[in-house]
Amino acid sequence: MAPTYRPGERVLVVRRWRPVRPGDVVLARDPRDPDRWLLKRCASCHGGAVDLRGDNAAVSTDSRDFGDVSTRAITWLVVRPRRAHLLG
């Protein structure tokens, strides 16, 4: 998700309480490896699926690789970044 989020940067996530909307940043399990988490932006919603994209298309693994993801699989929404240097 660079340049929006940097490696090691902390984000605050909450359990999804509303439908996912385009522009939302979500935390989702990788559909190919359930032990891996992905931080991605919702590019579009259609039917019961979402198109997840990374902010750096040249190096991102996203829906272009693994296809759309069911909205039921998205359980976490990123609500704000918490940068490590601000945690004191």
PDB file of N, CA and C in Angstrom:
ATOM      1  N   MET A   1       0.808  -1.195   0.000  1.00  0.00           N
ATOM      2  CA  MET A   1       0.000   0.000   0.000  1.00  0.00           C
ATOM      3  C   MET A   1       0.852   1.259   0.000  1.00  0.00           C
ATOM      4  N   ALA A   2       2.144   1.096  -0.252  1.00  0.00           N
ATOM      5  CA  ALA A   2       2.986   2.286  -0.396  1.00  0.00           C
ATOM      6  C   ALA A   2       2.508   3.024  -1.640  1.00  0.00           C
ATOM      7  N   PRO A   3       2.493   4.285  -1.661  1.00  0.00           N
ATOM      8  CA  PRO A   3       3.068   5.224  -0.701  1.00  0.00           C
ATOM      9  C   PRO A   3       2.110   5.648   0.408  1.00  0.00           C
ATOM     10  N   THR A   4       0.856   5.193   0.398  1.00  0.00           N
ATOM     11  CA  THR A   4      -0.097   5.611   1.434  1.00  0.00           C
ATOM     12  C   THR A   4       0.332   5.132   2.808  1.00  0.00           C
ATOM     13  N   TYR A   5       0.700   3.871   2.914  1.00  0.00           N
ATOM     14  CA  TYR A   5       1.181   3.297   4.167  1.00  0.00           C
ATOM     15  C   TYR A   5       2.569   2.743   3.937  1.00  0.00           C
ATOM     16  N   ARG A   6       3.431   2.920   4.922  1.00  0.00           N
ATOM     17  CA  ARG A   6       4.809   2.436   4.817  1.00  0.00           C
ATOM     18  C   ARG A   6       4.962   1.128   5.581  1.00  0.00           C
ATOM     19  N   PRO A   7       5.921   0.295   5.184  1.00  0.00           N
ATOM     20  CA  PRO A   7       6.167  -0.946   5.937  1.00  0.00           C
ATOM     21  C   PRO A   7       6.441  -0.627   7.401  1.00  0.00           C
ATOM     22  N   GLY A   8       5.795  -1.349   8.294  1.00  0.00           N
ATOM     23  CA  GLY A   8       5.981  -1.152   9.726  1.00  0.00           C
ATOM     24  C   GLY A   8       5.055  -0.110  10.337  1.00  0.00           C
ATOM     25  N   GLU A   9       4.350   0.631   9.504  1.00  0.00           N
ATOM     26  CA  GLU A   9       3.422   1.639  10.016  1.00  0.00           C
ATOM     27  C   GLU A   9       2.218   0.943  10.648  1.00  0.00           C
ATOM     28  N   ARG A  10       1.735   1.487  11.749  1.00  0.00           N
ATOM     29  CA  ARG A  10       0.576   0.912  12.428  1.00  0.00           C
ATOM     30  C   ARG A  10      -0.695   1.594  11.957  1.00  0.00           C
ATOM     31  N   VAL A  11      -1.732   0.794  11.836  1.00  0.00           N
ATOM     32  CA  VAL A  11      -3.040   1.318  11.458  1.00  0.00           C
ATOM     33  C   VAL A  11      -4.056   0.807  12.476  1.00  0.00           C
ATOM     34  N   LEU A  12      -5.122   1.550  12.637  1.00  0.00           N
ATOM     35  CA  LEU A  12      -6.205   1.123  13.510  1.00  0.00           C
ATOM     36  C   LEU A  12      -7.290   0.508  12.648  1.00  0.00           C
ATOM     37  N   VAL A  13      -7.639  -0.739  12.954  1.00  0.00           N
ATOM     38  CA  VAL A  13      -8.693  -1.421  12.216  1.00  0.00           C
ATOM     39  C   VAL A  13      -9.826  -1.754  13.176  1.00  0.00           C
ATOM     40  N   VAL A  14     -11.035  -1.758  12.657  1.00  0.00           N
ATOM     41  CA  VAL A  14     -12.203  -2.133  13.449  1.00  0.00           C
ATOM     42  C   VAL A  14     -13.009  -3.145  12.659  1.00  0.00           C
ATOM     43  N   ARG A  15     -13.745  -3.952  13.406  1.00  0.00           N
ATOM     44  CA  ARG A  15     -14.606  -4.928  12.738  1.00  0.00           C
ATOM     45  C   ARG A  15     -15.618  -4.173  11.875  1.00  0.00           C
ATOM     46  N   ARG A  16     -15.812  -4.654  10.691  1.00  0.00           N
ATOM     47  CA  ARG A  16     -16.692  -3.975   9.739  1.00  0.00           C
ATOM     48  C   ARG A  16     -18.113  -3.900  10.294  1.00  0.00           C
ATOM     49  N   TRP A  17     -18.640  -2.689  10.375  1.00  0.00           N
ATOM     50  CA  TRP A  17     -19.984  -2.452  10.884  1.00  0.00           C
ATOM     51  C   TRP A  17     -20.921  -1.929   9.799  1.00  0.00           C
ATOM     52  N   ARG A  18     -20.368  -1.679   8.620  1.00  0.00           N
ATOM     53  CA  ARG A  18     -21.148  -1.145   7.509  1.00  0.00           C
ATOM     54  C   ARG A  18     -20.642  -1.779   6.220  1.00  0.00           C
ATOM     55  N   PRO A  19     -21.383  -1.618   5.130  1.00  0.00           N
ATOM     56  CA  PRO A  19     -20.905  -2.167   3.864  1.00  0.00           C
ATOM     57  C   PRO A  19     -19.596  -1.507   3.429  1.00  0.00           C
ATOM     58  N   VAL A  20     -18.788  -2.266   2.740  1.00  0.00           N
ATOM     59  CA  VAL A  20     -17.540  -1.739   2.177  1.00  0.00           C
ATOM     60  C   VAL A  20     -17.900  -0.814   1.024  1.00  0.00           C
ATOM     61  N   ARG A  21     -17.222   0.338   0.955  1.00  0.00           N
ATOM     62  CA  ARG A  21     -17.470   1.313  -0.105  1.00  0.00           C
ATOM     63  C   ARG A  21     -16.188   1.554  -0.893  1.00  0.00           C
ATOM     64  N   PRO A  22     -16.308   1.934  -2.161  1.00  0.00           N
ATOM     65  CA  PRO A  22     -15.105   2.285  -2.919  1.00  0.00           C
ATOM     66  C   PRO A  22     -14.313   3.368  -2.191  1.00  0.00           C
ATOM     67  N   GLY A  23     -12.999   3.173  -2.137  1.00  0.00           N
ATOM     68  CA  GLY A  23     -12.120   4.089  -1.436  1.00  0.00           C
ATOM     69  C   GLY A  23     -11.741   3.612  -0.048  1.00  0.00           C
ATOM     70  N   ASP A  24     -12.523   2.699   0.534  1.00  0.00           N
ATOM     71  CA  ASP A  24     -12.199   2.155   1.857  1.00  0.00           C
ATOM     72  C   ASP A  24     -10.907   1.349   1.785  1.00  0.00           C
ATOM     73  N   VAL A  25     -10.109   1.445   2.836  1.00  0.00           N
ATOM     74  CA  VAL A  25      -8.951   0.573   2.987  1.00  0.00           C
ATOM     75  C   VAL A  25      -9.371  -0.524   3.951  1.00  0.00           C
ATOM     76  N   VAL A  26      -9.103  -1.767   3.561  1.00  0.00           N
ATOM     77  CA  VAL A  26      -9.554  -2.914   4.340  1.00  0.00           C
ATOM     78  C   VAL A  26      -8.388  -3.845   4.638  1.00  0.00           C
ATOM     79  N   LEU A  27      -8.578  -4.645   5.662  1.00  0.00           N
ATOM     80  CA  LEU A  27      -7.647  -5.714   5.989  1.00  0.00           C
ATOM     81  C   LEU A  27      -8.384  -7.011   5.701  1.00  0.00           C
ATOM     82  N   ALA A  28      -7.828  -7.828   4.836  1.00  0.00           N
ATOM     83  CA  ALA A  28      -8.497  -9.067   4.423  1.00  0.00           C
ATOM     84  C   ALA A  28      -7.477 -10.194   4.338  1.00  0.00           C
ATOM     85  N   ARG A  29      -7.961 -11.387   4.531  1.00  0.00           N
ATOM     86  CA  ARG A  29      -7.095 -12.558   4.345  1.00  0.00           C
ATOM     87  C   ARG A  29      -6.838 -12.757   2.856  1.00  0.00           C
ATOM     88  N   ASP A  30      -5.624 -13.139   2.545  1.00  0.00           N
ATOM     89  CA  ASP A  30      -5.258 -13.440   1.165  1.00  0.00           C
ATOM     90  C   ASP A  30      -6.059 -14.664   0.721  1.00  0.00           C
ATOM     91  N   PRO A  31      -6.844 -14.565  -0.358  1.00  0.00           N
ATOM     92  CA  PRO A  31      -7.635 -15.717  -0.802  1.00  0.00           C
ATOM     93  C   PRO A  31      -6.795 -16.926  -1.180  1.00  0.00           C
ATOM     94  N   ARG A  32      -5.509 -16.720  -1.472  1.00  0.00           N
ATOM     95  CA  ARG A  32      -4.633 -17.829  -1.851  1.00  0.00           C
ATOM     96  C   ARG A  32      -3.893 -18.415  -0.665  1.00  0.00           C
ATOM     97  N   ASP A  33      -3.775 -17.663   0.436  1.00  0.00           N
ATOM     98  CA  ASP A  33      -3.042 -18.113   1.615  1.00  0.00           C
ATOM     99  C   ASP A  33      -3.706 -17.525   2.855  1.00  0.00           C
ATOM    100  N   PRO A  34      -4.590 -18.274   3.533  1.00  0.00           N
ATOM    101  CA  PRO A  34      -5.348 -17.720   4.663  1.00  0.00           C
ATOM    102  C   PRO A  34      -4.492 -17.320   5.869  1.00  0.00           C
ATOM    103  N   ASP A  35      -3.212 -17.671   5.882  1.00  0.00           N
ATOM    104  CA  ASP A  35      -2.322 -17.248   6.964  1.00  0.00           C
ATOM    105  C   ASP A  35      -1.744 -15.861   6.710  1.00  0.00           C
ATOM    106  N   ARG A  36      -2.006 -15.295   5.538  1.00  0.00           N
ATOM    107  CA  ARG A  36      -1.443 -13.997   5.147  1.00  0.00           C
ATOM    108  C   ARG A  36      -2.548 -12.938   5.102  1.00  0.00           C
ATOM    109  N   TRP A  37      -2.255 -11.771   5.677  1.00  0.00           N
ATOM    110  CA  TRP A  37      -3.196 -10.651   5.659  1.00  0.00           C
ATOM    111  C   TRP A  37      -2.788  -9.659   4.582  1.00  0.00           C
ATOM    112  N   LEU A  38      -3.781  -9.038   3.952  1.00  0.00           N
ATOM    113  CA  LEU A  38      -3.543  -8.035   2.915  1.00  0.00           C
ATOM    114  C   LEU A  38      -4.197  -6.721   3.311  1.00  0.00           C
ATOM    115  N   LEU A  39      -3.489  -5.630   3.138  1.00  0.00           N
ATOM    116  CA  LEU A  39      -4.024  -4.288   3.332  1.00  0.00           C
ATOM    117  C   LEU A  39      -4.250  -3.722   1.937  1.00  0.00           C
ATOM    118  N   LYS A  40      -5.530  -3.522   1.565  1.00  0.00           N
ATOM    119  CA  LYS A  40      -5.867  -3.114   0.204  1.00  0.00           C
ATOM    120  C   LYS A  40      -6.978  -2.077   0.213  1.00  0.00           C
ATOM    121  N   ARG A  41      -7.083  -1.351  -0.888  1.00  0.00           N
ATOM    122  CA  ARG A  41      -8.148  -0.364  -1.072  1.00  0.00           C
ATOM    123  C   ARG A  41      -9.243  -0.974  -1.946  1.00  0.00           C
ATOM    124  N   CYS A  42     -10.483  -0.718  -1.569  1.00  0.00           N
ATOM    125  CA  CYS A  42     -11.622  -1.173  -2.373  1.00  0.00           C
ATOM    126  C   CYS A  42     -11.732  -0.257  -3.592  1.00  0.00           C
ATOM    127  N   ALA A  43     -11.565  -0.825  -4.769  1.00  0.00           N
ATOM    128  CA  ALA A  43     -11.660  -0.043  -6.008  1.00  0.00           C
ATOM    129  C   ALA A  43     -13.101   0.049  -6.481  1.00  0.00           C
ATOM    130  N   SER A  44     -13.851  -1.044  -6.320  1.00  0.00           N
ATOM    131  CA  SER A  44     -15.260  -1.031  -6.713  1.00  0.00           C
ATOM    132  C   SER A  44     -15.994  -2.169  -6.024  1.00  0.00           C
ATOM    133  N   CYS A  45     -17.313  -2.000  -5.922  1.00  0.00           N
ATOM    134  CA  CYS A  45     -18.199  -3.021  -5.348  1.00  0.00           C
ATOM    135  C   CYS A  45     -19.240  -3.366  -6.397  1.00  0.00           C
ATOM    136  N   HIS A  46     -19.500  -4.653  -6.553  1.00  0.00           N
ATOM    137  CA  HIS A  46     -20.523  -5.083  -7.503  1.00  0.00           C
ATOM    138  C   HIS A  46     -21.061  -6.423  -7.059  1.00  0.00           C
ATOM    139  N   GLY A  47     -22.381  -6.490  -6.966  1.00  0.00           N
ATOM    140  CA  GLY A  47     -22.995  -7.711  -6.466  1.00  0.00           C
ATOM    141  C   GLY A  47     -22.545  -7.941  -5.038  1.00  0.00           C
ATOM    142  N   GLY A  48     -22.087  -9.111  -4.738  1.00  0.00           N
ATOM    143  CA  GLY A  48     -21.583  -9.423  -3.410  1.00  0.00           C
ATOM    144  C   GLY A  48     -20.073  -9.491  -3.371  1.00  0.00           C
ATOM    145  N   ALA A  49     -19.407  -8.772  -4.296  1.00  0.00           N
ATOM    146  CA  ALA A  49     -17.952  -8.850  -4.387  1.00  0.00           C
ATOM    147  C   ALA A  49     -17.327  -7.466  -4.439  1.00  0.00           C
ATOM    148  N   VAL A  50     -16.055  -7.420  -4.075  1.00  0.00           N
ATOM    149  CA  VAL A  50     -15.290  -6.177  -4.142  1.00  0.00           C
ATOM    150  C   VAL A  50     -14.003  -6.408  -4.921  1.00  0.00           C
ATOM    151  N   ASP A  51     -13.586  -5.369  -5.607  1.00  0.00           N
ATOM    152  CA  ASP A  51     -12.313  -5.366  -6.331  1.00  0.00           C
ATOM    153  C   ASP A  51     -11.294  -4.679  -5.424  1.00  0.00           C
ATOM    154  N   LEU A  52     -10.303  -5.421  -4.950  1.00  0.00           N
ATOM    155  CA  LEU A  52      -9.289  -4.871  -4.055  1.00  0.00           C
ATOM    156  C   LEU A  52      -8.041  -4.538  -4.839  1.00  0.00           C
ATOM    157  N   ARG A  53      -7.515  -3.347  -4.623  1.00  0.00           N
ATOM    158  CA  ARG A  53      -6.309  -2.894  -5.328  1.00  0.00           C
ATOM    159  C   ARG A  53      -5.326  -2.311  -4.342  1.00  0.00           C
ATOM    160  N   GLY A  54      -4.052  -2.500  -4.636  1.00  0.00           N
ATOM    161  CA  GLY A  54      -3.004  -1.836  -3.882  1.00  0.00           C
ATOM    162  C   GLY A  54      -2.780  -0.455  -4.463  1.00  0.00           C
ATOM    163  N   ASP A  55      -2.237   0.449  -3.672  1.00  0.00           N
ATOM    164  CA  ASP A  55      -2.019   1.815  -4.147  1.00  0.00           C
ATOM    165  C   ASP A  55      -0.831   1.937  -5.098  1.00  0.00           C
ATOM    166  N   ASN A  56       0.028   0.929  -5.130  1.00  0.00           N
ATOM    167  CA  ASN A  56       1.173   0.943  -6.037  1.00  0.00           C
ATOM    168  C   ASN A  56       1.000  -0.216  -7.018  1.00  0.00           C
ATOM    169  N   ALA A  57       0.301   0.041  -8.102  1.00  0.00           N
ATOM    170  CA  ALA A  57      -0.090  -1.014  -9.041  1.00  0.00           C
ATOM    171  C   ALA A  57       1.091  -1.800  -9.609  1.00  0.00           C
ATOM    172  N   ALA A  58       2.238  -1.169  -9.746  1.00  0.00           N
ATOM    173  CA  ALA A  58       3.390  -1.834 -10.357  1.00  0.00           C
ATOM    174  C   ALA A  58       3.900  -3.014  -9.533  1.00  0.00           C
ATOM    175  N   VAL A  59       3.706  -2.974  -8.217  1.00  0.00           N
ATOM    176  CA  VAL A  59       4.247  -4.040  -7.368  1.00  0.00           C
ATOM    177  C   VAL A  59       3.192  -4.691  -6.476  1.00  0.00           C
ATOM    178  N   SER A  60       1.934  -4.370  -6.680  1.00  0.00           N
ATOM    179  CA  SER A  60       0.879  -4.868  -5.803  1.00  0.00           C
ATOM    180  C   SER A  60       0.358  -6.225  -6.235  1.00  0.00           C
ATOM    181  N   THR A  61       0.075  -7.064  -5.253  1.00  0.00           N
ATOM    182  CA  THR A  61      -0.669  -8.304  -5.471  1.00  0.00           C
ATOM    183  C   THR A  61      -2.088  -8.001  -5.030  1.00  0.00           C
ATOM    184  N   ASP A  62      -3.030  -8.046  -5.949  1.00  0.00           N
ATOM    185  CA  ASP A  62      -4.390  -7.638  -5.624  1.00  0.00           C
ATOM    186  C   ASP A  62      -5.385  -8.385  -6.492  1.00  0.00           C
ATOM    187  N   SER A  63      -6.589  -7.856  -6.643  1.00  0.00           N
ATOM    188  CA  SER A  63      -7.645  -8.555  -7.392  1.00  0.00           C
ATOM    189  C   SER A  63      -7.275  -8.835  -8.840  1.00  0.00           C
ATOM    190  N   ARG A  64      -6.311  -8.118  -9.375  1.00  0.00           N
ATOM    191  CA  ARG A  64      -5.858  -8.435 -10.734  1.00  0.00           C
ATOM    192  C   ARG A  64      -5.184  -9.795 -10.772  1.00  0.00           C
ATOM    193  N   ASP A  65      -4.672 -10.245  -9.623  1.00  0.00           N
ATOM    194  CA  ASP A  65      -4.015 -11.552  -9.523  1.00  0.00           C
ATOM    195  C   ASP A  65      -4.961 -12.647  -9.033  1.00  0.00           C
ATOM    196  N   PHE A  66      -5.782 -12.336  -8.020  1.00  0.00           N
ATOM    197  CA  PHE A  66      -6.608 -13.378  -7.408  1.00  0.00           C
ATOM    198  C   PHE A  66      -8.105 -13.203  -7.610  1.00  0.00           C
ATOM    199  N   GLY A  67      -8.514 -12.187  -8.344  1.00  0.00           N
ATOM    200  CA  GLY A  67      -9.941 -11.985  -8.623  1.00  0.00           C
ATOM    201  C   GLY A  67     -10.648 -11.201  -7.524  1.00  0.00           C
ATOM    202  N   ASP A  68     -11.912 -10.936  -7.761  1.00  0.00           N
ATOM    203  CA  ASP A  68     -12.716 -10.211  -6.781  1.00  0.00           C
ATOM    204  C   ASP A  68     -12.881 -11.051  -5.520  1.00  0.00           C
ATOM    205  N   VAL A  69     -13.154 -10.362  -4.415  1.00  0.00           N
ATOM    206  CA  VAL A  69     -13.288 -11.005  -3.109  1.00  0.00           C
ATOM    207  C   VAL A  69     -14.721 -10.805  -2.624  1.00  0.00           C
ATOM    208  N   SER A  70     -15.276 -11.821  -2.027  1.00  0.00           N
ATOM    209  CA  SER A  70     -16.620 -11.725  -1.472  1.00  0.00           C
ATOM    210  C   SER A  70     -16.657 -10.657  -0.381  1.00  0.00           C
ATOM    211  N   THR A  71     -17.732  -9.885  -0.347  1.00  0.00           N
ATOM    212  CA  THR A  71     -17.856  -8.873   0.706  1.00  0.00           C
ATOM    213  C   THR A  71     -17.899  -9.525   2.084  1.00  0.00           C
ATOM    214  N   ARG A  72     -18.370 -10.760   2.170  1.00  0.00           N
ATOM    215  CA  ARG A  72     -18.385 -11.463   3.458  1.00  0.00           C
ATOM    216  C   ARG A  72     -16.981 -11.752   3.970  1.00  0.00           C
ATOM    217  N   ALA A  73     -16.003 -11.797   3.071  1.00  0.00           N
ATOM    218  CA  ALA A  73     -14.619 -12.068   3.472  1.00  0.00           C
ATOM    219  C   ALA A  73     -13.929 -10.825   4.038  1.00  0.00           C
ATOM    220  N   ILE A  74     -14.538  -9.656   3.858  1.00  0.00           N
ATOM    221  CA  ILE A  74     -13.954  -8.418   4.373  1.00  0.00           C
ATOM    222  C   ILE A  74     -14.549  -8.168   5.748  1.00  0.00           C
ATOM    223  N   THR A  75     -13.755  -8.385   6.794  1.00  0.00           N
ATOM    224  CA  THR A  75     -14.269  -8.217   8.156  1.00  0.00           C
ATOM    225  C   THR A  75     -13.648  -7.039   8.885  1.00  0.00           C
ATOM    226  N   TRP A  76     -12.630  -6.423   8.320  1.00  0.00           N
ATOM    227  CA  TRP A  76     -11.932  -5.321   8.999  1.00  0.00           C
ATOM    228  C   TRP A  76     -11.821  -4.096   8.112  1.00  0.00           C
ATOM    229  N   LEU A  77     -12.099  -2.929   8.683  1.00  0.00           N
ATOM    230  CA  LEU A  77     -11.928  -1.648   8.005  1.00  0.00           C
ATOM    231  C   LEU A  77     -10.823  -0.862   8.688  1.00  0.00           C
ATOM    232  N   VAL A  78      -9.971  -0.229   7.893  1.00  0.00           N
ATOM    233  CA  VAL A  78      -8.941   0.650   8.447  1.00  0.00           C
ATOM    234  C   VAL A  78      -9.603   2.000   8.694  1.00  0.00           C
ATOM    235  N   VAL A  79      -9.534   2.481   9.934  1.00  0.00           N
ATOM    236  CA  VAL A  79     -10.184   3.751  10.250  1.00  0.00           C
ATOM    237  C   VAL A  79      -9.209   4.903  10.363  1.00  0.00           C
ATOM    238  N   ARG A  80      -7.961   4.603  10.653  1.00  0.00           N
ATOM    239  CA  ARG A  80      -6.959   5.672  10.640  1.00  0.00           C
ATOM    240  C   ARG A  80      -5.573   5.068  10.784  1.00  0.00           C
ATOM    241  N   PRO A  81      -4.575   5.776  10.268  1.00  0.00           N
ATOM    242  CA  PRO A  81      -3.204   5.317  10.495  1.00  0.00           C
ATOM    243  C   PRO A  81      -2.746   5.725  11.889  1.00  0.00           C
ATOM    244  N   ARG A  82      -1.903   4.912  12.483  1.00  0.00           N
ATOM    245  CA  ARG A  82      -1.237   5.253  13.741  1.00  0.00           C
ATOM    246  C   ARG A  82       0.233   5.030  13.525  1.00  0.00           C
ATOM    247  N   ARG A  83       0.933   6.080  13.269  1.00  0.00           N
ATOM    248  CA  ARG A  83       2.349   5.975  12.983  1.00  0.00           C
ATOM    249  C   ARG A  83       3.130   5.591  14.232  1.00  0.00           C
ATOM    250  N   ALA A  84       4.082   4.674  14.065  1.00  0.00           N
ATOM    251  CA  ALA A  84       4.848   4.142  15.208  1.00  0.00           C
ATOM    252  C   ALA A  84       5.546   5.249  15.988  1.00  0.00           C
ATOM    253  N   HIS A  85       6.055   6.273  15.305  1.00  0.00           N
ATOM    254  CA  HIS A  85       6.791   7.309  16.021  1.00  0.00           C
ATOM    255  C   HIS A  85       5.870   8.192  16.869  1.00  0.00           C
ATOM    256  N   LEU A  86       4.549   8.104  16.682  1.00  0.00           N
ATOM    257  CA  LEU A  86       3.618   8.893  17.487  1.00  0.00           C
ATOM    258  C   LEU A  86       3.174   8.151  18.739  1.00  0.00           C
ATOM    259  N   LEU A  87       3.507   6.870  18.841  1.00  0.00           N
ATOM    260  CA  LEU A  87       3.065   6.087  19.975  1.00  0.00           C
ATOM    261  C   LEU A  87       3.888   6.338  21.226  1.00  0.00           C
ATOM    262  N   GLY A  88       5.061   6.928  21.055  1.00  0.00           N
ATOM    263  CA  GLY A  88       5.897   7.324  22.188  1.00  0.00           C
ATOM    264  C   GLY A  88       6.346   6.194  22.988  1.00  0.00           C
TER     265      GLY A  88
END
